[in-house]
Amino acid sequence: MNQHGKHGKPAPYTLLRRRQVVGGFLAIGGAALWSATGTAGVATAAPAAGRWDKADSTNGWPVIEQAPEHLIEGAGGTRVSCRGDDVATVLLHLARRYHYEVHEIGPRDITGHTTDRMIGPPYESNCLSGTAITIFQPLYPAGSKGNVFPQDLATIRDILAELDGVVTWGGDQEPAKESHFQIDVAPGDATLADVAARIREWEARPGAGAGVVPDVFAARRRVRARDLRNRQKR
């Protein structure tokens, strides 16, 4: 759900605002399904930074020195660097749905590929291979969880389910990082290719794909999202 301050600019989420409005979200049908599993604003010890010297990131993709920039359509010229082809198709679809349904994304709100090998949790190495993106990292740092509004959490879960589990969320990792999303299958995985082909088909057909806001609390979508969540919890 988009939250905005003056002049239409996104207003930062804070723990105080979350506590003030969470009760209202719980009145929305199905929201309790997601909020009941977490605790608001749980902080854990920040992971110590270390150097990643392996040739592959944790998801099995080779570390690369360069990645192309991709336009996130509908997000005001915002771009993000990541691998091309199927990886880009999937991650850009996720970013577009996030922009339309969770919180508007601007140029400073999303990062992707990096060559900085100093990382925190090992899963951050996936940014080195261009197979991960981070959205609103200052708001959702590694080592803190439970800061996503229930309505937004339901949407994130729905996006992941729509992608058939080829992407996993940092909120399900240990330690949690609710700004992190990564490709969770190895190179050559058939499901990744199938999901990317489906997204391209949506993009070519009016009235389908990102920008067409679904009912994330519809029973079938909710059950599918819950089942994927249970499989992907680390």
Protein backbone atom coordinates (compact mmCIF):
# COMPACT_ATOMS: atom_id res chain seq x y z
CA MET A 1 0.00 0.00 0.00
CA ASN A 2 1.46 3.39 -0.98
CA GLN A 3 2.02 5.89 1.81
CA HIS A 4 2.81 9.48 0.77
CA GLY A 5 3.87 12.69 2.41
CA LYS A 6 3.48 16.22 1.08
CA HIS A 7 3.64 16.84 -2.66
CA GLY A 8 3.08 13.14 -3.40
CA LYS A 9 6.55 12.03 -2.31
CA PRO A 10 6.85 8.70 -0.48
CA ALA A 11 6.88 9.13 3.28
CA PRO A 12 9.37 6.86 5.06
CA TYR A 13 7.97 4.01 7.09
CA THR A 14 8.77 4.20 10.78
CA LEU A 15 8.12 1.84 13.63
CA LEU A 16 5.87 4.43 15.28
CA ARG A 17 3.68 4.84 12.20
CA ARG A 18 3.48 1.08 11.79
CA ARG A 19 2.15 0.64 15.32
CA GLN A 20 -0.37 3.41 14.79
CA VAL A 21 -1.89 1.96 11.65
CA VAL A 22 -1.41 -1.79 11.99
CA GLY A 23 -4.72 -2.12 13.75
CA GLY A 24 -6.48 -0.63 10.74
CA PHE A 25 -4.79 -3.05 8.38
CA LEU A 26 -5.80 -6.00 10.48
CA ALA A 27 -9.40 -5.11 9.80
CA ILE A 28 -8.83 -5.82 6.11
CA GLY A 29 -9.91 -9.35 5.25
CA GLY A 30 -7.00 -11.76 5.41
CA ALA A 31 -4.35 -9.39 6.76
CA ALA A 32 -4.07 -11.29 10.02
CA LEU A 33 -2.83 -14.30 8.09
CA TRP A 34 0.44 -12.46 7.49
CA SER A 35 0.81 -10.29 10.59
CA ALA A 36 0.28 -13.11 13.04
CA THR A 37 3.56 -14.78 12.12
CA GLY A 38 5.90 -11.91 12.95
CA THR A 39 6.75 -9.39 15.64
CA ALA A 40 6.83 -5.66 14.93
CA GLY A 41 10.29 -4.18 14.64
CA VAL A 42 12.36 -7.08 15.96
CA ALA A 43 16.03 -6.11 15.95
CA THR A 44 18.88 -8.60 16.01
CA ALA A 45 22.65 -8.20 15.98
CA ALA A 46 23.79 -6.66 12.70
CA PRO A 47 25.81 -9.17 10.66
CA ALA A 48 29.54 -8.54 10.57
CA ALA A 49 30.87 -7.52 7.17
CA GLY A 50 33.26 -9.87 5.44
CA ARG A 51 34.88 -10.19 2.03
CA TRP A 52 33.30 -12.56 -0.50
CA ASP A 53 36.12 -14.12 -2.52
CA LYS A 54 34.27 -17.00 -4.18
CA ALA A 55 33.70 -17.15 -7.92
CA ASP A 56 29.95 -17.77 -7.48
CA SER A 57 27.32 -16.15 -5.28
CA THR A 58 25.32 -18.25 -2.83
CA ASN A 59 22.62 -19.02 -5.40
CA GLY A 60 25.17 -20.55 -7.79
CA TRP A 61 25.46 -17.72 -10.32
CA PRO A 62 28.94 -16.50 -11.36
CA VAL A 63 30.13 -13.19 -9.93
CA ILE A 64 30.38 -10.58 -12.70
CA GLU A 65 32.21 -7.29 -13.00
CA GLN A 66 29.53 -5.49 -15.02
CA ALA A 67 25.77 -5.68 -15.37
CA PRO A 68 23.50 -3.67 -17.67
CA GLU A 69 21.11 -1.01 -16.39
CA HIS A 70 17.44 -1.74 -16.93
CA LEU A 71 14.53 0.70 -16.93
CA ILE A 72 11.75 -0.05 -14.44
CA GLU A 73 8.79 0.91 -16.61
CA GLY A 74 6.29 3.19 -14.91
CA ALA A 75 8.73 4.25 -12.19
CA GLY A 76 9.66 7.67 -13.56
CA GLY A 77 12.89 6.71 -15.29
CA THR A 78 14.22 4.67 -12.38
CA ARG A 79 16.81 2.10 -13.42
CA VAL A 80 18.53 -0.82 -11.73
CA SER A 81 21.57 -2.89 -12.68
CA CYS A 82 21.24 -6.66 -12.86
CA ARG A 83 21.86 -9.55 -15.22
CA GLY A 84 19.92 -9.52 -18.46
CA ASP A 85 17.59 -12.03 -20.08
CA ASP A 86 15.37 -14.10 -17.77
CA VAL A 87 16.89 -12.70 -14.57
CA ALA A 88 16.13 -9.13 -15.62
CA THR A 89 12.63 -10.04 -16.78
CA VAL A 90 11.76 -11.55 -13.39
CA LEU A 91 13.42 -8.96 -11.15
CA LEU A 92 12.00 -6.03 -13.13
CA HIS A 93 8.50 -7.51 -12.92
CA LEU A 94 8.93 -7.78 -9.15
CA ALA A 95 10.18 -4.20 -8.94
CA ARG A 96 7.24 -2.91 -11.02
CA ARG A 97 4.65 -4.68 -8.90
CA TYR A 98 6.36 -3.37 -5.76
CA HIS A 99 6.27 0.14 -7.22
CA TYR A 100 2.58 -0.05 -8.15
CA GLU A 101 1.26 -1.98 -5.16
CA VAL A 102 3.59 -1.50 -2.17
CA HIS A 103 5.55 1.76 -2.32
CA GLU A 104 6.62 4.03 -5.16
CA ILE A 105 10.27 3.48 -6.11
CA GLY A 106 12.56 6.35 -7.10
CA PRO A 107 16.14 6.34 -8.43
CA ARG A 108 17.65 6.32 -4.93
CA ASP A 109 15.39 3.61 -3.56
CA ILE A 110 16.63 0.54 -5.43
CA THR A 111 20.05 -0.99 -5.98
CA GLY A 112 21.17 -4.11 -7.81
CA HIS A 113 24.52 -5.35 -9.04
CA THR A 114 27.61 -4.28 -7.14
CA THR A 115 31.32 -5.02 -7.36
CA ASP A 116 31.91 -4.31 -3.66
CA ARG A 117 32.86 -7.71 -2.22
CA MET A 118 32.50 -6.53 1.37
CA ILE A 119 29.12 -7.95 2.39
CA GLY A 120 27.13 -8.73 5.51
CA PRO A 121 24.98 -11.87 5.33
CA PRO A 122 26.25 -14.37 2.71
CA TYR A 123 23.10 -13.97 0.62
CA GLU A 124 24.18 -10.40 -0.16
CA SER A 125 26.77 -12.01 -2.45
CA ASN A 126 23.96 -12.47 -4.95
CA CYS A 127 24.23 -8.76 -5.72
CA LEU A 128 27.76 -9.52 -6.98
CA SER A 129 26.33 -11.90 -9.58
CA GLY A 130 23.63 -9.43 -10.64
CA THR A 131 20.85 -11.72 -9.41
CA ALA A 132 19.51 -9.67 -6.48
CA ILE A 133 17.99 -6.27 -5.87
CA THR A 134 17.51 -4.22 -2.74
CA ILE A 135 14.51 -1.91 -2.31
CA PHE A 136 14.51 0.76 0.46
CA GLN A 137 17.56 -0.67 2.19
CA PRO A 138 17.82 2.19 4.75
CA LEU A 139 14.29 1.40 5.92
CA TYR A 140 14.80 -2.37 6.03
CA PRO A 141 18.43 -3.13 6.98
CA ALA A 142 19.87 -6.55 7.65
CA GLY A 143 19.20 -7.66 11.20
CA SER A 144 15.72 -6.14 11.56
CA LYS A 145 12.39 -7.75 10.74
CA GLY A 146 8.68 -7.24 11.26
CA ASN A 147 8.69 -3.70 9.86
CA VAL A 148 6.52 -4.33 6.79
CA PHE A 149 2.85 -3.35 7.03
CA PRO A 150 0.49 -6.37 6.88
CA GLN A 151 -1.15 -5.22 3.63
CA ASP A 152 2.27 -4.74 2.03
CA LEU A 153 3.47 -8.08 3.34
CA ALA A 154 0.49 -9.81 1.75
CA THR A 155 1.39 -8.16 -1.56
CA ILE A 156 5.04 -9.21 -1.32
CA ARG A 157 3.95 -12.77 -0.60
CA ASP A 158 1.62 -12.66 -3.61
CA ILE A 159 4.41 -11.42 -5.88
CA LEU A 160 6.71 -14.24 -4.78
CA ALA A 161 3.98 -16.82 -5.35
CA GLU A 162 3.26 -15.38 -8.81
CA LEU A 163 6.95 -15.98 -9.61
CA ASP A 164 6.66 -19.68 -8.67
CA GLY A 165 9.39 -19.50 -6.03
CA VAL A 166 12.23 -18.50 -8.37
CA VAL A 167 12.71 -15.41 -6.18
CA THR A 168 13.13 -15.47 -2.42
CA TRP A 169 12.76 -12.57 0.00
CA GLY A 170 15.31 -11.42 2.53
CA GLY A 171 12.57 -11.29 5.16
CA ASP A 172 12.66 -15.10 5.13
CA GLN A 173 16.45 -15.28 5.47
CA GLU A 174 18.54 -15.41 8.62
CA PRO A 175 19.39 -12.75 9.54
CA ALA A 176 16.38 -11.05 7.99
CA LYS A 177 16.73 -8.24 5.48
CA GLU A 178 13.30 -7.14 4.32
CA SER A 179 14.67 -4.97 1.51
CA HIS A 180 16.41 -7.88 -0.25
CA PHE A 181 15.07 -10.00 -3.14
CA GLN A 182 17.13 -12.59 -5.00
CA ILE A 183 16.91 -15.19 -7.72
CA ASP A 184 16.75 -18.46 -5.79
CA VAL A 185 17.46 -20.98 -8.55
CA ALA A 186 20.68 -21.93 -10.32
CA PRO A 187 21.64 -20.96 -13.87
CA GLY A 188 19.74 -22.95 -16.47
CA ASP A 189 16.77 -23.65 -14.19
CA ALA A 190 13.71 -24.46 -16.30
CA THR A 191 11.27 -22.78 -13.92
CA LEU A 192 13.07 -19.45 -14.27
CA ALA A 193 12.77 -19.67 -18.04
CA ASP A 194 9.08 -20.58 -17.80
CA VAL A 195 8.28 -17.72 -15.43
CA ALA A 196 10.19 -15.21 -17.58
CA ALA A 197 8.33 -16.40 -20.70
CA ARG A 198 5.01 -15.99 -18.91
CA ILE A 199 5.90 -12.42 -17.84
CA ARG A 200 6.87 -11.50 -21.41
CA GLU A 201 3.52 -12.84 -22.57
CA TRP A 202 1.74 -10.66 -20.01
CA GLU A 203 3.71 -7.61 -21.09
CA ALA A 204 2.60 -8.14 -24.68
CA ARG A 205 -1.08 -8.44 -23.75
CA PRO A 206 -3.17 -5.45 -22.61
CA GLY A 207 -4.73 -5.87 -19.19
CA ALA A 208 -2.13 -8.30 -17.86
CA GLY A 209 1.10 -8.15 -15.88
CA ALA A 210 2.44 -5.51 -13.50
CA GLY A 211 0.15 -2.51 -13.18
CA VAL A 212 -3.00 -4.62 -13.10
CA VAL A 213 -3.52 -4.78 -9.35
CA PRO A 214 -4.88 -8.16 -8.21
CA ASP A 215 -6.83 -8.99 -5.07
CA VAL A 216 -3.97 -10.40 -3.00
CA PHE A 217 -6.48 -11.56 -0.36
CA ALA A 218 -8.42 -13.77 -2.76
CA ALA A 219 -8.56 -17.22 -1.18
CA ARG A 220 -6.66 -19.09 -3.89
CA ARG A 221 -3.88 -16.50 -4.13
CA ARG A 222 -3.57 -16.31 -0.34
CA VAL A 223 -3.23 -20.07 0.07
CA ARG A 224 -0.67 -20.28 -2.72
CA ALA A 225 1.36 -17.46 -1.15
CA ARG A 226 1.19 -19.06 2.29
CA ASP A 227 2.37 -22.43 0.98
CA LEU A 228 5.34 -20.83 -0.76
CA ARG A 229 6.21 -18.87 2.38
CA ASN A 230 6.32 -22.10 4.38
CA ARG A 231 8.65 -23.69 1.81
CA GLN A 232 11.00 -20.73 1.58
CA LYS A 233 11.42 -19.94 5.27
CA ARG A 234 15.12 -20.36 6.12
